Amino acid sequence: MSLAVQYSPPDGEIDLGSWGSYAPGSGFTFVRTKSGEISLSLISYVRYLNQRRLDPTYTDSFGRTRPIDLRNDLLLNKVNITFKGWLFDPDFTFRAWIWTQNPAMGLGAQVVVAGQLGYHFSDYLNLYGGVSPLPSNRTTNWTYPNWLRMDNRTISDEFFRASYSFGIWADGKITDKVLYRAMIANNLSALGVDAAQLDAKFNTMSGTIWWMPTTGEYGPGEGFGDYEYHKDFATRFGVHYTRSREDAQSQPNEDDFENSQIRLSDGTRIFEPGAFGTDGRINKATYQMVAANAGFKYRGASLEGEYYVRWVNDLETEGFIPVTSLFDQGFQLQGSVMLVPNRFQLYTTASKVFGQYGDPWDFAAGFNWFPFSRKEMRVNTQGIYLRNSPVGGTSYPYIVGGNGWVFNTDFIVTF
């Protein structure tokens, strides 16, 4: 979903008596005057995570064996408090948020205060500046938290995607059923990276265009799953392109908030000294990624897929590196069904990376239970089978090198 439709200023005369109202997805309005409006929303969840069935060590494609720190804990995993609204003119909007990643307490960027300013010129052009996810694929195009798996992606999605960065972006519609979003940014992942680490060049760009031919919509946030129980067959097709010139400094530390790393398909970070088992290292590289996706929803059932192609080339190195470029591709599939409308949803997901240094994959099955028959509160339980996971961190249920089963249960509030 574009930010243009995440917040809708009131039309016509403002009803001063309506402050304190609540709208799903927009939160509670606690200030509403002729000069502006402010609303508050929250995303938070408690997670029980059990990784004890994973193998305790992992051997990468270069024969290096590493221990894995397995977890079995209960944590308040995330708190996201968002303030949004408009000031003086309903077309001038703002958004500010405080986002914590509690399992990463003590590490870089585990608490983020960020936001954006925007102006609505027309339905065809909205312009923003600030912090935003790069629209590198579906999950980084403002679909969160409307996911089947709440706050974790499939491993191929996580492996290929970009992350949050500072920049400017535009979005809007081309026709009533075709929309776009395009962004120019500092780097692939700015959270956990200070300004002095950037290369003083705007050489990161990302854009997407998508088409919803049958109904012209795809549910709240254009997210995954058909909780809304579409009576008409809803379809969505999209394509994304991202390019960025990256160096070791502009990449966040391994466990930083919303970490996004350029990795080999065995999980090795490409800028890591000795990454390829030699005395050489990569100092700079150009990342390019294309993602194409399709989705279908009908009467509580959904089927959604995405294919990724990534190139890493134009390597600037020191010492000996056995490659001059990297090429990886992969896919994900997600399917779900509402067994009981507004109450109980079953889902399954699968993904695979076809890489030069291994072909990792994962499979998950789980359910969402909505105890109050409201989307804003749910219990999510799932089992994930990992095979040589190339991604992971303290904020995710999976871990780099994971082999075997992981189980987690989340109690989620999002409004």
Protein backbone atom coordinates (compact mmCIF):
# COMPACT_ATOMS: atom_id res chain seq x y z
CA MET A 1 0.00 0.00 0.00
CA SER A 2 1.26 3.47 -0.74
CA LEU A 3 1.42 6.00 2.04
CA ALA A 4 -1.07 8.07 0.10
CA VAL A 5 -3.84 5.70 1.15
CA GLN A 6 -2.52 4.78 4.58
CA TYR A 7 -3.74 8.14 5.84
CA SER A 8 -6.79 9.90 4.42
CA PRO A 9 -7.41 13.51 5.51
CA PRO A 10 -11.07 14.40 6.04
CA ASP A 11 -13.05 15.79 3.14
CA GLY A 12 -14.92 19.03 3.51
CA GLU A 13 -15.68 20.56 6.90
CA ILE A 14 -13.96 18.94 9.89
CA ASP A 15 -16.18 17.46 12.59
CA LEU A 16 -14.57 18.79 15.79
CA GLY A 17 -16.66 16.40 17.86
CA SER A 18 -15.16 13.31 16.26
CA TRP A 19 -11.76 13.39 17.98
CA GLY A 20 -11.16 10.21 19.92
CA SER A 21 -12.61 8.12 17.11
CA TYR A 22 -11.04 4.84 16.03
CA ALA A 23 -10.43 3.47 12.53
CA PRO A 24 -8.85 0.04 11.90
CA GLY A 25 -5.37 0.48 10.47
CA SER A 26 -5.26 4.18 11.34
CA GLY A 27 -5.57 3.98 15.13
CA PHE A 28 -7.14 6.48 17.50
CA THR A 29 -7.57 10.14 16.59
CA PHE A 30 -6.75 12.15 19.70
CA VAL A 31 -6.40 15.63 18.13
CA ARG A 32 -8.72 16.98 15.44
CA THR A 33 -8.97 20.72 14.81
CA LYS A 34 -9.19 23.04 11.82
CA SER A 35 -5.39 23.41 12.00
CA GLY A 36 -4.51 19.74 11.96
CA GLU A 37 -5.03 16.20 13.11
CA ILE A 38 -2.97 13.59 14.97
CA SER A 39 -3.73 9.90 15.38
CA LEU A 40 -1.90 7.15 17.25
CA SER A 41 -1.42 3.51 16.26
CA LEU A 42 0.46 0.57 17.79
CA ILE A 43 2.10 -2.64 16.63
CA SER A 44 3.39 -4.95 19.35
CA TYR A 45 3.65 -8.65 20.10
CA VAL A 46 4.87 -11.12 22.67
CA ARG A 47 6.82 -14.05 21.18
CA TYR A 48 7.68 -17.48 22.50
CA LEU A 49 10.55 -18.87 20.40
CA ASN A 50 12.05 -22.37 20.48
CA GLN A 51 15.13 -23.10 18.34
CA ARG A 52 16.27 -26.13 20.34
CA ARG A 53 15.61 -28.56 17.49
CA LEU A 54 18.15 -26.86 15.18
CA ASP A 55 21.58 -28.37 14.65
CA PRO A 56 24.06 -26.79 17.12
CA THR A 57 26.71 -26.08 14.45
CA TYR A 58 26.80 -25.05 10.81
CA THR A 59 29.42 -25.68 8.12
CA ASP A 60 29.47 -23.16 5.29
CA SER A 61 30.42 -23.79 1.66
CA PHE A 62 34.11 -23.10 2.42
CA GLY A 63 34.28 -25.80 5.09
CA ARG A 64 34.24 -23.42 8.08
CA THR A 65 32.25 -24.80 11.03
CA ARG A 66 30.57 -22.29 13.32
CA PRO A 67 28.57 -22.78 16.55
CA ILE A 68 24.93 -21.66 16.61
CA ASP A 69 23.51 -20.00 19.72
CA LEU A 70 20.12 -21.69 20.08
CA ARG A 71 17.32 -19.84 21.86
CA ASN A 72 14.33 -20.88 23.95
CA ASP A 73 12.78 -17.69 25.34
CA LEU A 74 9.74 -15.48 25.80
CA LEU A 75 10.12 -11.80 24.87
CA LEU A 76 8.13 -8.69 24.11
CA ASN A 77 9.65 -8.71 20.64
CA LYS A 78 8.65 -5.33 19.24
CA VAL A 79 6.85 -2.10 20.08
CA ASN A 80 6.03 0.29 17.24
CA ILE A 81 4.23 3.50 18.23
CA THR A 82 3.26 5.70 15.27
CA PHE A 83 1.94 9.26 15.23
CA LYS A 84 0.50 10.47 11.93
CA GLY A 85 -1.73 13.21 10.63
CA TRP A 86 -1.71 16.57 8.84
CA LEU A 87 -0.85 20.18 9.68
CA PHE A 88 -2.46 23.45 8.42
CA ASP A 89 -3.39 21.86 5.09
CA PRO A 90 -4.84 18.34 4.85
CA ASP A 91 -2.51 17.74 1.92
CA PHE A 92 0.60 18.31 4.10
CA THR A 93 1.05 15.09 6.06
CA PHE A 94 3.52 13.81 8.61
CA ARG A 95 4.37 10.48 10.17
CA ALA A 96 6.72 9.76 13.08
CA TRP A 97 7.38 6.51 14.84
CA ILE A 98 9.30 4.91 17.69
CA TRP A 99 10.26 1.34 16.88
CA THR A 100 12.01 -1.01 19.29
CA GLN A 101 13.55 -4.39 18.56
CA ASN A 102 13.69 -5.72 22.11
CA PRO A 103 15.67 -8.98 21.49
CA ALA A 104 18.51 -6.76 20.23
CA MET A 105 18.75 -4.57 23.35
CA GLY A 106 22.34 -3.35 23.69
CA LEU A 107 23.08 -3.62 19.97
CA GLY A 108 23.15 -0.83 17.39
CA ALA A 109 19.83 0.75 16.29
CA GLN A 110 17.70 -1.45 18.54
CA VAL A 111 15.54 1.64 19.20
CA VAL A 112 14.71 3.79 16.18
CA VAL A 113 12.98 7.16 16.12
CA ALA A 114 12.17 8.07 12.53
CA GLY A 115 9.53 9.52 10.27
CA GLN A 116 8.65 11.40 7.13
CA LEU A 117 6.97 14.49 5.73
CA GLY A 118 4.78 14.43 2.64
CA TYR A 119 2.58 16.44 0.33
CA HIS A 120 -0.41 15.23 -1.67
CA PHE A 121 -0.36 17.02 -5.04
CA SER A 122 -2.98 14.76 -6.64
CA ASP A 123 -4.02 11.12 -6.80
CA TYR A 124 -1.26 10.75 -9.39
CA LEU A 125 1.58 12.28 -7.33
CA ASN A 126 2.44 12.25 -3.64
CA LEU A 127 5.95 13.36 -2.65
CA TYR A 128 7.74 12.41 0.60
CA GLY A 129 11.07 12.79 2.37
CA GLY A 130 12.43 10.93 5.37
CA VAL A 131 12.81 7.26 6.29
CA SER A 132 11.08 4.55 4.28
CA PRO A 133 11.55 0.97 3.18
CA LEU A 134 12.91 0.75 -0.35
CA PRO A 135 10.18 -0.78 -2.57
CA SER A 136 12.44 -3.70 -3.53
CA ASN A 137 9.70 -6.34 -3.26
CA ARG A 138 6.19 -6.82 -1.87
CA THR A 139 7.09 -6.97 1.82
CA THR A 140 9.05 -3.71 1.63
CA ASN A 141 6.25 -1.84 -0.16
CA TRP A 142 4.24 -0.85 2.94
CA THR A 143 2.46 -4.20 3.34
CA TYR A 144 3.61 -4.70 6.96
CA PRO A 145 1.99 -5.80 9.30
CA ASN A 146 -0.54 -7.41 6.93
CA TRP A 147 1.47 -10.65 6.65
CA LEU A 148 0.50 -14.24 7.31
CA ARG A 149 3.63 -14.82 9.42
CA MET A 150 3.33 -11.54 11.32
CA ASP A 151 6.88 -10.21 11.63
CA ASN A 152 9.08 -12.66 9.73
CA ARG A 153 9.57 -13.30 6.06
CA THR A 154 10.44 -16.46 4.17
CA ILE A 155 14.22 -16.90 3.94
CA SER A 156 14.35 -16.09 0.22
CA ASP A 157 12.40 -12.86 0.78
CA GLU A 158 14.77 -11.93 3.61
CA PHE A 159 17.85 -12.89 1.58
CA PHE A 160 17.07 -10.77 -1.47
CA ARG A 161 15.25 -7.71 -0.12
CA ALA A 162 16.48 -4.18 0.67
CA SER A 163 15.57 -2.39 3.91
CA TYR A 164 14.85 1.06 5.37
CA SER A 165 16.83 4.09 4.24
CA PHE A 166 16.75 7.90 4.17
CA GLY A 167 15.61 9.40 0.91
CA ILE A 168 12.88 10.96 -1.17
CA TRP A 169 10.10 9.06 -2.91
CA ALA A 170 6.95 9.51 -4.91
CA ASP A 171 3.85 7.37 -5.26
CA GLY A 172 0.40 7.52 -6.76
CA LYS A 173 -1.74 5.97 -9.43
CA ILE A 174 -1.22 5.81 -13.17
CA THR A 175 -4.76 4.57 -13.75
CA ASP A 176 -7.41 3.45 -11.29
CA LYS A 177 -5.91 -0.05 -11.34
CA VAL A 178 -2.20 0.66 -11.91
CA LEU A 179 -0.06 2.24 -9.16
CA TYR A 180 3.61 3.10 -8.72
CA ARG A 181 6.21 3.98 -6.11
CA ALA A 182 9.80 5.15 -6.73
CA MET A 183 12.57 6.14 -4.28
CA ILE A 184 16.08 7.62 -4.33
CA ALA A 185 17.99 6.83 -1.13
CA ASN A 186 21.35 6.85 0.65
CA ASN A 187 21.93 3.09 0.73
CA LEU A 188 20.16 -0.27 1.03
CA SER A 189 19.84 -0.16 4.82
CA ALA A 190 20.39 3.03 6.82
CA LEU A 191 19.34 1.78 10.26
CA GLY A 192 22.49 1.11 12.26
CA VAL A 193 24.61 3.18 9.86
CA ASP A 194 25.70 6.74 10.77
CA ALA A 195 25.99 9.57 8.24
CA ALA A 196 29.80 9.50 8.22
CA GLN A 197 29.70 5.93 6.87
CA LEU A 198 27.82 6.93 3.71
CA ASP A 199 29.67 7.57 0.44
CA ALA A 200 28.22 11.07 -0.22
CA LYS A 201 26.47 9.85 -3.37
CA PHE A 202 22.79 9.25 -4.11
CA ASN A 203 23.35 6.01 -5.99
CA THR A 204 20.57 3.89 -4.50
CA MET A 205 17.29 3.75 -6.40
CA SER A 206 14.27 1.49 -6.17
CA GLY A 207 10.90 1.43 -7.87
CA THR A 208 7.81 -0.66 -8.39
CA ILE A 209 4.69 -0.67 -10.52
CA TRP A 210 1.71 -2.92 -9.87
CA TRP A 211 -1.63 -3.73 -11.48
CA MET A 212 -4.87 -4.94 -9.86
CA PRO A 213 -6.90 -5.82 -12.96
CA THR A 214 -10.05 -7.45 -11.58
CA THR A 215 -11.20 -5.45 -8.54
CA GLY A 216 -8.80 -2.49 -8.47
CA GLU A 217 -7.89 -3.27 -4.83
CA TYR A 218 -6.23 -6.04 -2.86
CA GLY A 219 -7.33 -5.58 0.74
CA PRO A 220 -5.78 -3.49 3.56
CA GLY A 221 -2.15 -2.70 2.87
CA GLU A 222 -2.38 -4.96 -0.20
CA GLY A 223 -1.09 -7.58 2.22
CA PHE A 224 -1.08 -11.38 2.28
CA GLY A 225 -4.08 -13.61 3.00
CA ASP A 226 -7.78 -13.02 2.49
CA TYR A 227 -9.09 -12.23 5.97
CA GLU A 228 -11.55 -9.84 4.29
CA TYR A 229 -13.18 -12.76 2.42
CA HIS A 230 -13.33 -11.26 -1.09
CA LYS A 231 -16.59 -12.11 -2.85
CA ASP A 232 -15.07 -11.05 -6.17
CA PHE A 233 -11.84 -12.59 -7.46
CA ALA A 234 -9.04 -10.14 -6.52
CA THR A 235 -5.74 -10.14 -8.41
CA ARG A 236 -2.46 -8.28 -8.11
CA PHE A 237 0.65 -8.32 -10.34
CA GLY A 238 3.80 -6.32 -9.68
CA VAL A 239 7.42 -5.84 -10.69
CA HIS A 240 10.25 -4.18 -8.71
CA TYR A 241 13.77 -3.03 -9.57
CA THR A 242 16.49 -1.90 -7.13
CA ARG A 243 20.07 -0.79 -7.70
CA SER A 244 22.65 0.36 -5.18
CA ARG A 245 26.40 0.89 -4.98
CA GLU A 246 27.42 -0.46 -1.55
CA ASP A 247 30.55 -0.65 0.55
CA ALA A 248 31.45 -2.30 3.84
CA GLN A 249 30.80 0.87 5.86
CA SER A 250 27.30 1.41 4.49
CA GLN A 251 26.15 -2.07 5.52
CA PRO A 252 24.67 -2.37 9.04
CA ASN A 253 26.10 -4.68 11.67
CA GLU A 254 24.80 -8.25 11.61
CA ASP A 255 22.15 -7.92 14.32
CA ASP A 256 21.13 -4.31 13.82
CA PHE A 257 17.44 -3.43 13.64
CA GLU A 258 15.78 -4.61 10.41
CA ASN A 259 19.18 -5.83 9.26
CA SER A 260 19.59 -6.21 5.50
CA GLN A 261 22.91 -7.63 4.31
CA ILE A 262 24.35 -8.61 0.96
CA ARG A 263 25.24 -12.27 1.54
CA LEU A 264 26.41 -15.32 -0.32
CA SER A 265 23.78 -18.06 -0.46
CA ASP A 266 25.53 -19.89 2.43
CA GLY A 267 24.96 -16.86 4.70
CA THR A 268 28.47 -15.34 4.44
CA ARG A 269 28.46 -11.53 4.34
CA ILE A 270 30.32 -10.49 1.20
CA PHE A 271 32.14 -7.57 2.85
CA GLU A 272 33.42 -9.77 5.68
CA PRO A 273 37.26 -10.08 5.68
CA GLY A 274 38.23 -13.47 4.27
CA ALA A 275 34.66 -14.11 3.15
CA PHE A 276 35.77 -16.35 0.25
CA GLY A 277 38.37 -18.31 2.19
CA THR A 278 41.26 -16.19 0.87
CA ASP A 279 43.22 -13.23 2.19
CA GLY A 280 41.27 -10.90 -0.09
CA ARG A 281 38.18 -8.83 0.57
CA ILE A 282 35.49 -6.89 -1.29
CA ASN A 283 35.45 -3.16 -0.54
CA LYS A 284 32.68 -2.05 -2.91
CA ALA A 285 30.02 -3.79 -5.00
CA THR A 286 26.94 -2.95 -7.04
CA TYR A 287 23.70 -4.68 -6.04
CA GLN A 288 20.87 -5.06 -8.55
CA MET A 289 17.65 -6.97 -7.96
CA VAL A 290 14.44 -7.61 -9.90
CA ALA A 291 11.39 -9.07 -8.18
CA ALA A 292 8.15 -10.08 -9.91
CA ASN A 293 5.05 -11.15 -8.01
CA ALA A 294 1.47 -12.27 -8.47
CA GLY A 295 -1.36 -12.78 -6.00
CA PHE A 296 -4.94 -14.04 -5.97
CA LYS A 297 -7.68 -13.83 -3.32
CA TYR A 298 -11.18 -15.27 -3.29
CA ARG A 299 -13.66 -16.12 -0.51
CA GLY A 300 -11.04 -16.45 2.23
CA ALA A 301 -8.43 -18.27 0.15
CA SER A 302 -5.21 -16.76 -1.16
CA LEU A 303 -2.24 -17.85 -3.28
CA GLU A 304 0.72 -15.52 -3.69
CA GLY A 305 4.18 -15.89 -5.15
CA GLU A 306 7.28 -13.86 -5.91
CA TYR A 307 10.43 -14.55 -7.96
CA TYR A 308 13.78 -12.83 -7.33
CA VAL A 309 16.85 -12.32 -9.51
CA ARG A 310 19.93 -10.64 -8.01
CA TRP A 311 23.24 -9.54 -9.50
CA VAL A 312 26.25 -8.35 -7.46
CA ASN A 313 29.04 -7.10 -9.72
CA ASP A 314 31.48 -4.26 -10.40
CA LEU A 315 33.53 -5.50 -7.43
CA GLU A 316 36.27 -3.31 -6.00
CA THR A 317 38.65 -5.65 -4.14
CA GLU A 318 41.98 -5.92 -2.41
CA GLY A 319 43.90 -9.19 -2.36
CA PHE A 320 42.64 -12.25 -4.19
CA ILE A 321 38.92 -12.88 -4.64
CA PRO A 322 37.93 -15.98 -6.70
CA VAL A 323 34.93 -14.31 -8.38
CA THR A 324 34.26 -11.21 -10.43
CA SER A 325 30.48 -11.23 -9.99
CA LEU A 326 27.69 -13.04 -8.15
CA PHE A 327 24.31 -14.22 -9.43
CA ASP A 328 21.47 -15.66 -7.34
CA GLN A 329 17.78 -16.26 -7.90
CA GLY A 330 14.94 -17.67 -5.88
CA PHE A 331 11.23 -17.70 -5.15
CA GLN A 332 8.61 -17.79 -2.44
CA LEU A 333 5.05 -19.12 -2.32
CA GLN A 334 2.40 -18.40 0.30
CA GLY A 335 -1.07 -19.90 0.51
CA SER A 336 -3.83 -19.49 3.09
CA VAL A 337 -7.48 -20.21 3.76
CA MET A 338 -9.95 -18.82 6.30
CA LEU A 339 -11.44 -22.01 7.74
CA VAL A 340 -13.76 -19.93 9.91
CA PRO A 341 -14.40 -16.40 8.60
CA ASN A 342 -13.00 -13.70 10.91
CA ARG A 343 -11.79 -16.38 13.32
CA PHE A 344 -9.37 -19.03 12.08
CA GLN A 345 -6.84 -19.00 9.24
CA LEU A 346 -4.51 -21.77 8.10
CA TYR A 347 -1.45 -21.03 5.95
CA THR A 348 1.67 -22.54 4.50
CA THR A 349 4.75 -20.93 2.96
CA ALA A 350 7.82 -22.16 1.12
CA SER A 351 10.86 -20.54 -0.44
CA LYS A 352 14.18 -21.45 -2.02
CA VAL A 353 17.37 -19.68 -3.08
CA PHE A 354 19.32 -20.96 -6.10
CA GLY A 355 22.82 -19.65 -5.39
CA GLN A 356 26.46 -20.05 -6.28
CA TYR A 357 27.26 -21.15 -2.72
CA GLY A 358 24.35 -23.42 -1.89
CA ASP A 359 20.60 -23.76 -2.44
CA PRO A 360 18.95 -23.08 0.96
CA TRP A 361 15.19 -23.45 1.43
CA ASP A 362 12.48 -23.28 4.06
CA PHE A 363 8.94 -24.49 4.63
CA ALA A 364 6.43 -23.27 7.21
CA ALA A 365 2.92 -24.19 8.32
CA GLY A 366 0.88 -22.31 10.85
CA PHE A 367 -2.39 -20.69 11.80
CA ASN A 368 -3.78 -17.34 12.90
CA TRP A 369 -6.56 -17.26 15.50
CA PHE A 370 -8.53 -14.02 15.89
CA PRO A 371 -10.16 -14.36 19.35
CA PHE A 372 -12.28 -11.20 19.08
CA SER A 373 -13.17 -11.67 15.40
CA ARG A 374 -11.09 -8.56 14.70
CA LYS A 375 -7.95 -8.37 12.59
CA GLU A 376 -6.28 -6.05 15.12
CA MET A 377 -5.65 -8.88 17.60
CA ARG A 378 -4.50 -12.42 16.83
CA VAL A 379 -2.49 -15.39 17.99
CA ASN A 380 -0.01 -16.76 15.46
CA THR A 381 1.57 -20.21 15.85
CA GLN A 382 3.88 -21.81 13.30
CA GLY A 383 6.60 -24.34 12.67
CA ILE A 384 9.40 -23.46 10.23
CA TYR A 385 11.71 -26.05 8.72
CA LEU A 386 15.05 -24.53 7.67
CA ARG A 387 17.68 -25.98 5.40
CA ASN A 388 20.97 -24.05 5.62
CA SER A 389 19.31 -20.70 6.29
CA PRO A 390 21.41 -17.87 4.77
CA VAL A 391 19.72 -15.21 6.94
CA GLY A 392 18.80 -14.61 10.54
CA GLY A 393 19.29 -12.48 13.63
CA THR A 394 17.99 -11.89 17.13
CA SER A 395 14.75 -10.32 15.89
CA TYR A 396 13.83 -13.28 13.67
CA PRO A 397 12.80 -16.86 14.50
CA TYR A 398 15.47 -18.20 12.14
CA ILE A 399 19.25 -17.95 12.41
CA VAL A 400 22.11 -18.00 9.90
CA GLY A 401 23.08 -21.61 9.25
CA GLY A 402 19.88 -23.01 10.78
CA ASN A 403 19.06 -26.63 9.94
CA GLY A 404 15.93 -28.19 11.39
CA TRP A 405 12.69 -27.05 13.00
CA VAL A 406 11.90 -23.75 14.70
CA PHE A 407 8.64 -23.10 16.54
CA ASN A 408 7.18 -19.79 17.64
CA THR A 409 3.91 -18.42 18.99
CA ASP A 410 3.11 -14.70 18.87
CA PHE A 411 0.35 -12.78 20.65
CA ILE A 412 -0.16 -9.72 18.44
CA VAL A 413 -1.86 -6.34 18.78
CA THR A 414 -1.87 -4.01 15.79
CA PHE A 415 -4.17 -1.06 15.22
